[in-house]
Amino acid sequence: MLDETLLLACEASEAASIAAALPFGVRFLLRPEITPVQRAFLDLRGYLVFDRVAADAEVDTILAEVDRVEAELLREGKQKINGVPLWFGPDPDGHEYLYRMGFSSVYSPFLSSFVRDARFEPIRRLIGDDARIGDREKDGVVFNRYMNAANSLRPNLAWHTDALRDVFYNWRMPGPMLNVGLHFDRIRPEDGGLRVLPGTHTQSAWSTLFSKIHFVTQAPDPREVMVETWPGDLTVHDGRMWHKVDTSPKQGWASLRRSMYVPYVRDAVLEKSENSPTPMYLRLFDAIVRWKARRARGR
């Protein structure tokens, strides 16, 4: 982890030079204020990794809460929350398993409180002084699980930009859009995991939408950088950049990777309810993921 003690008061031009010289895998400490070097690195590369922002006990509690909510949803036979599909599929033991859950904090007072903890205030201000936690907007707080197993619904997530989502929601190309993720597993370069293409957050609209086939292209890119994580890490990445989740070479439960994305919203308030329709973006997303799962089973 980078020791930023001597860099806290540097000028913006100096911070940009320092950021440009840092390795792609640099890890930062989340402080009460985002430092000039952190901001410069985000502007240049398009992402930040903050070292173990959540404590081990909090990681354990969040994972237990997700298990509890999963069991409740299964009992109720829920297929969607606020119009967002729940992705259930078999686990390695053949039981129903929740691979993706939007609006996860709706069923969990603990998660709703946790994402509003004061330690995340520097992240909110980084996005904008008017930013709010939109846990009842768009997809809400999204919890992801990835696993490489027979019949897994989600062993990976192919290259994509989240600009596609914004186009479907707002019918326009987005400005800066930051995704804030918490990570719950030790993921090394050899374990698959999150890959980003640094700098592509400043690409043209054409490249943002069409330089790869969204949610289909999985092939390695020579420019890609693996984002290594420890349980409790927090990442920020610009959703306009190309990113993906690679398949773990491990099998079964050993391949499990879990993350949770917290929405910070600056648009007009547009809360969803149980009667909300499924957006076209999610219909497409859902269809592609299930098509890929069927295709894998047919091999």
Protein backbone atom coordinates (compact mmCIF):
# COMPACT_ATOMS: atom_id res chain seq x y z
CA MET A 1 0.00 0.00 0.00
CA LEU A 2 1.27 3.46 -0.90
CA ASP A 3 2.38 5.69 2.01
CA GLU A 4 0.79 9.01 1.08
CA THR A 5 1.74 10.85 4.27
CA LEU A 6 4.19 13.15 2.50
CA LEU A 7 1.89 13.67 -0.51
CA LEU A 8 -1.27 14.96 1.14
CA ALA A 9 -0.67 18.64 0.41
CA CYS A 10 0.91 18.46 -3.04
CA GLU A 11 -0.33 20.65 -5.89
CA ALA A 12 -2.54 19.22 -8.64
CA SER A 13 0.24 19.33 -11.26
CA GLU A 14 2.63 17.50 -8.92
CA ALA A 15 -0.07 14.97 -8.01
CA ALA A 16 -0.63 14.20 -11.70
CA SER A 17 3.09 13.47 -12.20
CA ILE A 18 3.19 11.25 -9.11
CA ALA A 19 0.05 9.38 -10.18
CA ALA A 20 1.45 8.74 -13.66
CA ALA A 21 4.53 7.09 -12.12
CA LEU A 22 2.58 4.77 -9.80
CA PRO A 23 2.19 1.06 -10.67
CA PHE A 24 -1.21 -0.08 -11.93
CA GLY A 25 -1.65 -2.27 -8.83
CA VAL A 26 -1.18 0.52 -6.28
CA ARG A 27 -3.41 0.36 -3.18
CA PHE A 28 -4.53 3.46 -1.31
CA LEU A 29 -5.78 4.21 2.20
CA LEU A 30 -9.27 5.70 2.47
CA ARG A 31 -8.89 8.92 4.47
CA PRO A 32 -11.42 11.55 5.59
CA GLU A 33 -10.63 13.36 2.33
CA ILE A 34 -9.67 12.03 -1.10
CA THR A 35 -6.04 13.04 -1.61
CA PRO A 36 -4.73 14.92 -4.67
CA VAL A 37 -2.76 11.83 -5.75
CA GLN A 38 -5.82 9.57 -5.44
CA ARG A 39 -7.92 11.96 -7.50
CA ALA A 40 -5.18 12.30 -10.12
CA PHE A 41 -4.80 8.50 -10.38
CA LEU A 42 -8.57 8.12 -10.87
CA ASP A 43 -8.60 10.84 -13.52
CA LEU A 44 -5.69 9.22 -15.37
CA ARG A 45 -6.33 5.48 -15.00
CA GLY A 46 -10.06 5.36 -14.30
CA TYR A 47 -10.00 3.36 -11.04
CA LEU A 48 -8.83 3.27 -7.39
CA VAL A 49 -8.34 0.44 -4.89
CA PHE A 50 -8.70 1.25 -1.18
CA ASP A 51 -7.17 -1.21 1.26
CA ARG A 52 -9.57 -3.12 3.54
CA VAL A 53 -12.15 -0.43 4.25
CA ALA A 54 -14.53 -2.97 5.84
CA ALA A 55 -13.36 -4.91 8.91
CA ASP A 56 -13.31 -8.71 8.98
CA ALA A 57 -16.32 -8.81 11.32
CA GLU A 58 -18.28 -6.58 8.95
CA VAL A 59 -17.39 -8.78 5.99
CA ASP A 60 -18.67 -11.81 7.87
CA THR A 61 -21.90 -10.03 8.86
CA ILE A 62 -22.61 -8.86 5.31
CA LEU A 63 -22.10 -12.36 3.91
CA ALA A 64 -24.39 -13.80 6.60
CA GLU A 65 -27.03 -11.17 5.75
CA VAL A 66 -26.90 -12.07 2.08
CA ASP A 67 -27.37 -15.76 2.94
CA ARG A 68 -30.35 -14.84 5.11
CA VAL A 69 -31.95 -12.70 2.40
CA GLU A 70 -31.33 -15.43 -0.19
CA ALA A 71 -33.19 -17.96 1.97
CA GLU A 72 -36.09 -15.50 2.41
CA LEU A 73 -36.35 -14.87 -1.33
CA LEU A 74 -36.34 -18.61 -2.06
CA ARG A 75 -39.11 -19.19 0.49
CA GLU A 76 -41.19 -16.46 -1.12
CA GLY A 77 -40.48 -17.68 -4.66
CA LYS A 78 -39.34 -14.20 -5.69
CA GLN A 79 -38.01 -13.78 -9.23
CA LYS A 80 -37.52 -9.99 -9.22
CA ILE A 81 -37.07 -7.11 -6.80
CA ASN A 82 -38.43 -3.77 -8.03
CA GLY A 83 -38.36 -5.02 -11.61
CA VAL A 84 -34.74 -6.27 -11.46
CA PRO A 85 -34.40 -10.03 -12.14
CA LEU A 86 -32.89 -12.28 -9.48
CA TRP A 87 -30.35 -14.65 -11.00
CA PHE A 88 -30.86 -18.05 -9.42
CA GLY A 89 -28.99 -21.08 -10.67
CA PRO A 90 -27.52 -24.34 -9.33
CA ASP A 91 -24.57 -24.33 -6.94
CA PRO A 92 -21.90 -27.11 -6.99
CA ASP A 93 -24.16 -29.24 -4.76
CA GLY A 94 -27.18 -28.84 -7.01
CA HIS A 95 -29.10 -26.41 -4.78
CA GLU A 96 -30.63 -23.14 -5.91
CA TYR A 97 -28.09 -20.35 -5.50
CA LEU A 98 -28.41 -16.59 -5.91
CA TYR A 99 -25.76 -15.31 -8.34
CA ARG A 100 -26.94 -11.70 -8.65
CA MET A 101 -29.31 -9.70 -6.50
CA GLY A 102 -30.28 -6.09 -7.13
CA PHE A 103 -31.81 -4.01 -4.34
CA SER A 104 -30.20 -6.28 -1.76
CA SER A 105 -30.45 -3.66 1.02
CA VAL A 106 -34.26 -3.54 0.65
CA TYR A 107 -34.46 -6.79 2.63
CA SER A 108 -31.64 -5.96 5.04
CA PRO A 109 -31.68 -3.08 7.55
CA PHE A 110 -28.03 -3.87 8.31
CA LEU A 111 -26.95 -3.39 4.68
CA SER A 112 -29.06 -0.24 4.38
CA SER A 113 -27.27 1.20 7.43
CA PHE A 114 -23.82 -0.06 6.45
CA VAL A 115 -23.73 1.63 3.03
CA ARG A 116 -24.52 4.94 4.76
CA ASP A 117 -21.66 4.67 7.25
CA ALA A 118 -19.69 7.89 7.73
CA ARG A 119 -16.44 6.29 6.50
CA PHE A 120 -17.85 6.32 2.94
CA GLU A 121 -18.52 10.06 2.98
CA PRO A 122 -15.24 10.85 1.09
CA ILE A 123 -16.45 8.53 -1.69
CA ARG A 124 -19.79 10.33 -1.89
CA ARG A 125 -18.06 13.71 -2.12
CA LEU A 126 -15.67 12.33 -4.75
CA ILE A 127 -18.69 11.61 -6.92
CA GLY A 128 -20.28 14.98 -6.13
CA ASP A 129 -21.45 17.09 -3.22
CA ASP A 130 -25.01 16.46 -4.38
CA ALA A 131 -24.55 12.68 -4.70
CA ARG A 132 -26.84 10.38 -2.73
CA ILE A 133 -27.00 6.64 -2.12
CA GLY A 134 -29.62 5.40 -4.56
CA ASP A 135 -30.38 2.09 -2.92
CA ARG A 136 -33.98 2.28 -4.18
CA GLU A 137 -33.07 3.62 -7.63
CA LYS A 138 -31.77 1.99 -10.83
CA ASP A 139 -30.55 -1.49 -9.68
CA GLY A 140 -30.09 -0.56 -6.02
CA VAL A 141 -27.27 -2.18 -4.02
CA VAL A 142 -26.17 -5.10 -6.20
CA PHE A 143 -24.62 -8.23 -4.68
CA ASN A 144 -22.70 -10.46 -7.11
CA ARG A 145 -21.44 -14.03 -6.83
CA TYR A 146 -19.28 -15.73 -9.46
CA MET A 147 -18.43 -19.42 -9.48
CA ASN A 148 -16.77 -21.80 -11.92
CA ALA A 149 -18.85 -24.95 -11.59
CA ALA A 150 -20.96 -27.26 -13.70
CA ASN A 151 -24.18 -25.47 -14.72
CA SER A 152 -23.05 -22.24 -13.03
CA LEU A 153 -25.19 -19.32 -14.14
CA ARG A 154 -22.30 -16.93 -13.69
CA PRO A 155 -18.70 -18.13 -14.01
CA ASN A 156 -17.67 -14.75 -15.44
CA LEU A 157 -18.89 -11.46 -16.87
CA ALA A 158 -17.66 -10.53 -20.34
CA TRP A 159 -16.28 -7.14 -21.37
CA HIS A 160 -18.71 -4.25 -21.01
CA THR A 161 -19.09 -0.60 -20.14
CA ASP A 162 -21.86 0.67 -17.93
CA ALA A 163 -22.47 3.46 -20.42
CA LEU A 164 -24.82 1.04 -22.17
CA ARG A 165 -27.03 1.03 -19.08
CA ASP A 166 -27.09 4.82 -18.96
CA VAL A 167 -28.10 5.02 -22.61
CA PHE A 168 -31.07 2.74 -21.91
CA TYR A 169 -32.03 4.63 -18.76
CA ASN A 170 -31.55 8.21 -19.99
CA TRP A 171 -31.19 7.95 -23.79
CA ARG A 172 -27.93 9.87 -23.75
CA MET A 173 -24.21 9.25 -23.38
CA PRO A 174 -23.14 9.63 -19.74
CA GLY A 175 -20.66 11.94 -18.13
CA PRO A 176 -18.28 10.62 -15.46
CA MET A 177 -19.92 7.67 -13.69
CA LEU A 178 -18.18 5.99 -10.77
CA ASN A 179 -18.92 2.45 -9.59
CA VAL A 180 -18.19 1.77 -5.93
CA GLY A 181 -17.60 -1.88 -5.02
CA LEU A 182 -16.86 -3.81 -1.85
CA HIS A 183 -15.03 -7.12 -2.18
CA PHE A 184 -15.30 -10.15 0.06
CA ASP A 185 -12.67 -12.64 -1.10
CA ARG A 186 -8.91 -12.83 -1.59
CA ILE A 187 -8.55 -12.76 -5.36
CA ARG A 188 -5.08 -13.05 -6.89
CA PRO A 189 -4.14 -12.60 -10.56
CA GLU A 190 -4.28 -16.37 -11.06
CA ASP A 191 -7.83 -16.50 -9.61
CA GLY A 192 -9.65 -14.72 -12.44
CA GLY A 193 -11.45 -11.68 -11.10
CA LEU A 194 -11.93 -8.08 -12.14
CA ARG A 195 -10.04 -6.80 -15.19
CA VAL A 196 -10.05 -3.18 -16.41
CA LEU A 197 -8.66 -1.32 -19.41
CA PRO A 198 -7.04 1.74 -17.81
CA GLY A 199 -7.73 5.03 -19.53
CA THR A 200 -10.69 3.85 -21.60
CA HIS A 201 -13.05 6.00 -19.53
CA THR A 202 -12.01 8.91 -21.77
CA GLN A 203 -12.59 7.10 -25.07
CA SER A 204 -15.01 8.22 -27.76
CA ALA A 205 -18.71 7.35 -27.67
CA TRP A 206 -18.18 4.96 -30.59
CA SER A 207 -15.40 3.06 -28.77
CA THR A 208 -17.44 3.06 -25.57
CA LEU A 209 -20.31 1.29 -27.26
CA PHE A 210 -18.73 -0.74 -30.05
CA SER A 211 -15.02 -1.56 -29.64
CA LYS A 212 -16.11 -4.88 -28.07
CA ILE A 213 -19.40 -6.78 -28.03
CA HIS A 214 -20.98 -6.00 -24.67
CA PHE A 215 -21.37 -9.05 -22.37
CA VAL A 216 -20.16 -11.40 -25.14
CA THR A 217 -16.45 -10.66 -25.81
CA GLN A 218 -14.38 -12.47 -23.17
CA ALA A 219 -10.97 -12.72 -24.89
CA PRO A 220 -7.93 -11.25 -23.08
CA ASP A 221 -6.85 -7.75 -24.07
CA PRO A 222 -3.11 -6.92 -23.98
CA ARG A 223 -3.93 -3.67 -22.18
CA GLU A 224 -5.94 -5.26 -19.37
CA VAL A 225 -5.00 -4.88 -15.71
CA MET A 226 -6.12 -7.33 -13.03
CA VAL A 227 -7.53 -5.70 -9.87
CA GLU A 228 -6.26 -7.79 -6.96
CA THR A 229 -8.45 -7.72 -3.84
CA TRP A 230 -8.51 -8.70 -0.18
CA PRO A 231 -11.73 -9.13 1.86
CA GLY A 232 -12.97 -5.68 2.82
CA ASP A 233 -11.34 -3.81 -0.07
CA LEU A 234 -13.24 -0.99 -1.71
CA THR A 235 -12.80 -0.16 -5.38
CA VAL A 236 -13.92 2.82 -7.43
CA HIS A 237 -13.92 2.60 -11.21
CA ASP A 238 -15.37 4.75 -13.94
CA GLY A 239 -18.26 2.86 -15.53
CA ARG A 240 -17.40 4.24 -18.96
CA MET A 241 -14.21 2.16 -19.02
CA TRP A 242 -14.16 -1.38 -20.40
CA HIS A 243 -14.10 -3.98 -17.61
CA LYS A 244 -14.91 -7.66 -17.11
CA VAL A 245 -14.74 -10.51 -14.60
CA ASP A 246 -12.59 -13.47 -15.67
CA THR A 247 -13.43 -17.10 -14.90
CA SER A 248 -11.49 -18.64 -12.02
CA PRO A 249 -9.34 -21.64 -13.01
CA LYS A 250 -10.47 -23.25 -9.76
CA GLN A 251 -13.60 -25.37 -9.61
CA GLY A 252 -16.64 -25.37 -7.35
CA TRP A 253 -16.74 -23.51 -4.06
CA ALA A 254 -13.00 -22.75 -4.25
CA SER A 255 -13.72 -20.48 -7.22
CA LEU A 256 -16.28 -18.31 -5.40
CA ARG A 257 -15.87 -14.54 -5.80
CA ARG A 258 -18.28 -12.09 -4.14
CA SER A 259 -18.71 -8.33 -4.49
CA MET A 260 -21.27 -5.67 -3.69
CA TYR A 261 -21.81 -2.45 -5.66
CA VAL A 262 -23.30 0.62 -4.02
CA PRO A 263 -25.07 3.14 -6.28
CA TYR A 264 -24.28 6.83 -5.85
CA VAL A 265 -26.76 8.86 -7.87
CA ARG A 266 -26.84 12.49 -9.01
CA ASP A 267 -29.77 12.34 -11.44
CA ALA A 268 -33.34 13.29 -10.56
CA VAL A 269 -34.81 10.98 -7.94
CA LEU A 270 -36.52 8.03 -9.61
CA GLU A 271 -37.25 5.38 -7.01
CA LYS A 272 -38.48 1.95 -8.04
CA SER A 273 -41.17 -0.20 -6.48
CA GLU A 274 -42.47 -3.75 -6.74
CA ASN A 275 -44.62 -2.61 -9.69
CA SER A 276 -41.69 -1.21 -11.66
CA PRO A 277 -41.17 -2.79 -15.11
CA THR A 278 -37.89 -4.48 -16.03
CA PRO A 279 -35.79 -2.01 -18.08
CA MET A 280 -34.82 -3.06 -21.60
CA TYR A 281 -31.15 -2.99 -20.58
CA LEU A 282 -31.77 -5.65 -17.95
CA ARG A 283 -33.91 -7.74 -20.29
CA LEU A 284 -30.99 -7.83 -22.72
CA PHE A 285 -28.46 -8.46 -19.94
CA ASP A 286 -30.55 -11.29 -18.50
CA ALA A 287 -31.12 -12.92 -21.91
CA ILE A 288 -27.40 -12.90 -22.79
CA VAL A 289 -26.32 -14.38 -19.44
CA ARG A 290 -28.88 -17.18 -19.65
CA TRP A 291 -28.03 -17.86 -23.31
CA LYS A 292 -24.34 -18.19 -22.40
CA ALA A 293 -25.21 -20.56 -19.54
CA ARG A 294 -27.30 -22.78 -21.83
CA ARG A 295 -24.56 -22.73 -24.46
CA ALA A 296 -21.96 -23.80 -21.88
CA ARG A 297 -24.17 -26.68 -20.71
CA GLY A 298 -24.53 -27.86 -24.31
CA ARG A 299 -20.81 -28.32 -24.86
